[in-house]
Amino acid sequence: MDDDPSLSAGRCVYGSDHDDPGPIPGHRYAELVGGPLDGQLLDITDWSQDQIDGGVALNAEAGPFGPGGRALYDPRPADPGRWDWQDDTP
């Protein structure tokens, strides 16, 4: 999602404060699909290709493991701007 005009200012960016205005122009984002963080954007602006390819385990208090739990997301092979939820882990 490089500078995608469809990103509205109201979209929630993972790890940001709720008062933040949303996506920052010029940043690169991946949309999280499914799981407890569904619909949030992950700022991957400064990530290397190896980091992107490896996916991510993100803190997800709303997941089944509660505070301290993590949600696992991997880039979608056919659409790397979307990262699909894989599982939850403590």
C-alpha atoms as a PDB file:
ATOM      1  CA  MET A   1       0.000   0.000   0.000  1.00  0.00           C
ATOM      2  CA  ASP A   2       2.464   2.628  -1.135  1.00  0.00           C
ATOM      3  CA  ASP A   3       0.808   6.047  -0.910  1.00  0.00           C
ATOM      4  CA  ASP A   4      -2.545   4.432  -1.692  1.00  0.00           C
ATOM      5  CA  PRO A   5      -5.145   7.198  -1.974  1.00  0.00           C
ATOM      6  CA  SER A   6      -7.815   4.797  -0.712  1.00  0.00           C
ATOM      7  CA  LEU A   7      -6.222   4.964   2.742  1.00  0.00           C
ATOM      8  CA  SER A   8      -8.505   7.236   4.671  1.00  0.00           C
ATOM      9  CA  ALA A   9      -7.284   9.393   7.537  1.00  0.00           C
ATOM     10  CA  GLY A  10      -9.546   7.405   9.846  1.00  0.00           C
ATOM     11  CA  ARG A  11      -7.681   4.115   9.410  1.00  0.00           C
ATOM     12  CA  CYS A  12      -5.973   2.843  12.547  1.00  0.00           C
ATOM     13  CA  VAL A  13      -2.230   2.263  12.332  1.00  0.00           C
ATOM     14  CA  TYR A  14      -0.973  -0.573  14.543  1.00  0.00           C
ATOM     15  CA  GLY A  15       1.047   0.726  17.493  1.00  0.00           C
ATOM     16  CA  SER A  16      -0.058   4.333  17.177  1.00  0.00           C
ATOM     17  CA  ASP A  17      -2.026   6.354  19.690  1.00  0.00           C
ATOM     18  CA  HIS A  18      -5.770   6.506  19.163  1.00  0.00           C
ATOM     19  CA  ASP A  19      -5.472  10.288  18.752  1.00  0.00           C
ATOM     20  CA  ASP A  20      -3.025   9.992  15.823  1.00  0.00           C
ATOM     21  CA  PRO A  21      -4.393  11.181  12.489  1.00  0.00           C
ATOM     22  CA  GLY A  22      -3.819   7.841  10.754  1.00  0.00           C
ATOM     23  CA  PRO A  23      -1.578   6.905   7.860  1.00  0.00           C
ATOM     24  CA  ILE A  24       1.311   9.274   7.103  1.00  0.00           C
ATOM     25  CA  PRO A  25       1.772  10.289   3.462  1.00  0.00           C
ATOM     26  CA  GLY A  26       4.915   8.774   1.983  1.00  0.00           C
ATOM     27  CA  HIS A  27       4.923   5.780   4.334  1.00  0.00           C
ATOM     28  CA  ARG A  28       4.469   2.194   3.235  1.00  0.00           C
ATOM     29  CA  TYR A  29       1.733   0.147   4.928  1.00  0.00           C
ATOM     30  CA  ALA A  30       0.451  -3.416   4.940  1.00  0.00           C
ATOM     31  CA  GLU A  31      -3.207  -4.046   5.742  1.00  0.00           C
ATOM     32  CA  LEU A  32      -3.748  -6.715   8.410  1.00  0.00           C
ATOM     33  CA  VAL A  33      -6.481  -9.137   7.326  1.00  0.00           C
ATOM     34  CA  GLY A  34      -8.307 -11.407   9.752  1.00  0.00           C
ATOM     35  CA  GLY A  35      -7.558 -12.172  13.377  1.00  0.00           C
ATOM     36  CA  PRO A  36      -7.664  -9.722  16.270  1.00  0.00           C
ATOM     37  CA  LEU A  37      -5.979  -6.857  14.354  1.00  0.00           C
ATOM     38  CA  ASP A  38      -8.171  -7.075  11.251  1.00  0.00           C
ATOM     39  CA  GLY A  39      -8.343  -3.830   9.301  1.00  0.00           C
ATOM     40  CA  GLN A  40      -5.406  -2.123  11.001  1.00  0.00           C
ATOM     41  CA  LEU A  41      -2.445  -0.882   9.013  1.00  0.00           C
ATOM     42  CA  LEU A  42       1.125  -1.893   9.802  1.00  0.00           C
ATOM     43  CA  ASP A  43       3.809   0.685   8.976  1.00  0.00           C
ATOM     44  CA  ILE A  44       6.542  -1.216   7.107  1.00  0.00           C
ATOM     45  CA  THR A  45       8.296   1.866   5.723  1.00  0.00           C
ATOM     46  CA  ASP A  46      11.759   1.055   7.082  1.00  0.00           C
ATOM     47  CA  TRP A  47      11.535  -2.737   6.860  1.00  0.00           C
ATOM     48  CA  SER A  48      13.972  -4.756   4.740  1.00  0.00           C
ATOM     49  CA  GLN A  49      12.622  -7.287   2.259  1.00  0.00           C
ATOM     50  CA  ASP A  50      13.842 -10.095   4.555  1.00  0.00           C
ATOM     51  CA  GLN A  51      11.849  -8.641   7.458  1.00  0.00           C
ATOM     52  CA  ILE A  52       8.757  -8.372   5.272  1.00  0.00           C
ATOM     53  CA  ASP A  53       9.132 -11.907   3.929  1.00  0.00           C
ATOM     54  CA  GLY A  54       9.419 -13.264   7.482  1.00  0.00           C
ATOM     55  CA  GLY A  55       6.046 -11.966   8.603  1.00  0.00           C
ATOM     56  CA  VAL A  56       5.444 -10.694  12.098  1.00  0.00           C
ATOM     57  CA  ALA A  57       4.151 -11.524  15.583  1.00  0.00           C
ATOM     58  CA  LEU A  58       2.279  -8.480  16.913  1.00  0.00           C
ATOM     59  CA  ASN A  59       0.996  -7.802  20.415  1.00  0.00           C
ATOM     60  CA  ALA A  60      -2.744  -8.380  20.376  1.00  0.00           C
ATOM     61  CA  GLU A  61      -4.503  -7.841  23.690  1.00  0.00           C
ATOM     62  CA  ALA A  62      -7.847  -8.607  22.063  1.00  0.00           C
ATOM     63  CA  GLY A  63      -6.725 -12.110  21.010  1.00  0.00           C
ATOM     64  CA  PRO A  64      -7.532 -15.346  22.841  1.00  0.00           C
ATOM     65  CA  PHE A  65      -4.425 -15.094  25.052  1.00  0.00           C
ATOM     66  CA  GLY A  66      -5.284 -11.593  26.306  1.00  0.00           C
ATOM     67  CA  PRO A  67      -2.541  -9.160  27.340  1.00  0.00           C
ATOM     68  CA  GLY A  68       0.832 -10.529  26.304  1.00  0.00           C
ATOM     69  CA  GLY A  69      -0.640 -12.596  23.492  1.00  0.00           C
ATOM     70  CA  ARG A  70       0.526 -12.186  19.917  1.00  0.00           C
ATOM     71  CA  ALA A  71      -1.131 -12.462  16.527  1.00  0.00           C
ATOM     72  CA  LEU A  72       0.926 -13.925  13.676  1.00  0.00           C
ATOM     73  CA  TYR A  73       0.620 -12.331  10.227  1.00  0.00           C
ATOM     74  CA  ASP A  74       2.335 -13.199   6.932  1.00  0.00           C
ATOM     75  CA  PRO A  75       2.353 -11.271   3.647  1.00  0.00           C
ATOM     76  CA  ARG A  76      -0.141 -12.581   1.110  1.00  0.00           C
ATOM     77  CA  PRO A  77       1.887 -14.041  -1.798  1.00  0.00           C
ATOM     78  CA  ALA A  78      -0.365 -12.661  -4.533  1.00  0.00           C
ATOM     79  CA  ASP A  79      -0.927  -9.312  -2.768  1.00  0.00           C
ATOM     80  CA  PRO A  80       1.987  -8.276  -0.489  1.00  0.00           C
ATOM     81  CA  GLY A  81       0.076  -5.148   0.575  1.00  0.00           C
ATOM     82  CA  ARG A  82      -2.195  -7.425   2.607  1.00  0.00           C
ATOM     83  CA  TRP A  83      -0.929  -9.607   5.433  1.00  0.00           C
ATOM     84  CA  ASP A  84      -3.082 -12.547   6.446  1.00  0.00           C
ATOM     85  CA  TRP A  85      -3.608 -13.705  10.020  1.00  0.00           C
ATOM     86  CA  GLN A  86      -2.149 -17.169  10.616  1.00  0.00           C
ATOM     87  CA  ASP A  87      -2.631 -17.907  14.309  1.00  0.00           C
ATOM     88  CA  ASP A  88      -2.426 -16.565  17.852  1.00  0.00           C
ATOM     89  CA  THR A  89       0.277 -17.428  20.355  1.00  0.00           C
ATOM     90  CA  PRO A  90       0.825 -16.710  24.053  1.00  0.00           C
END
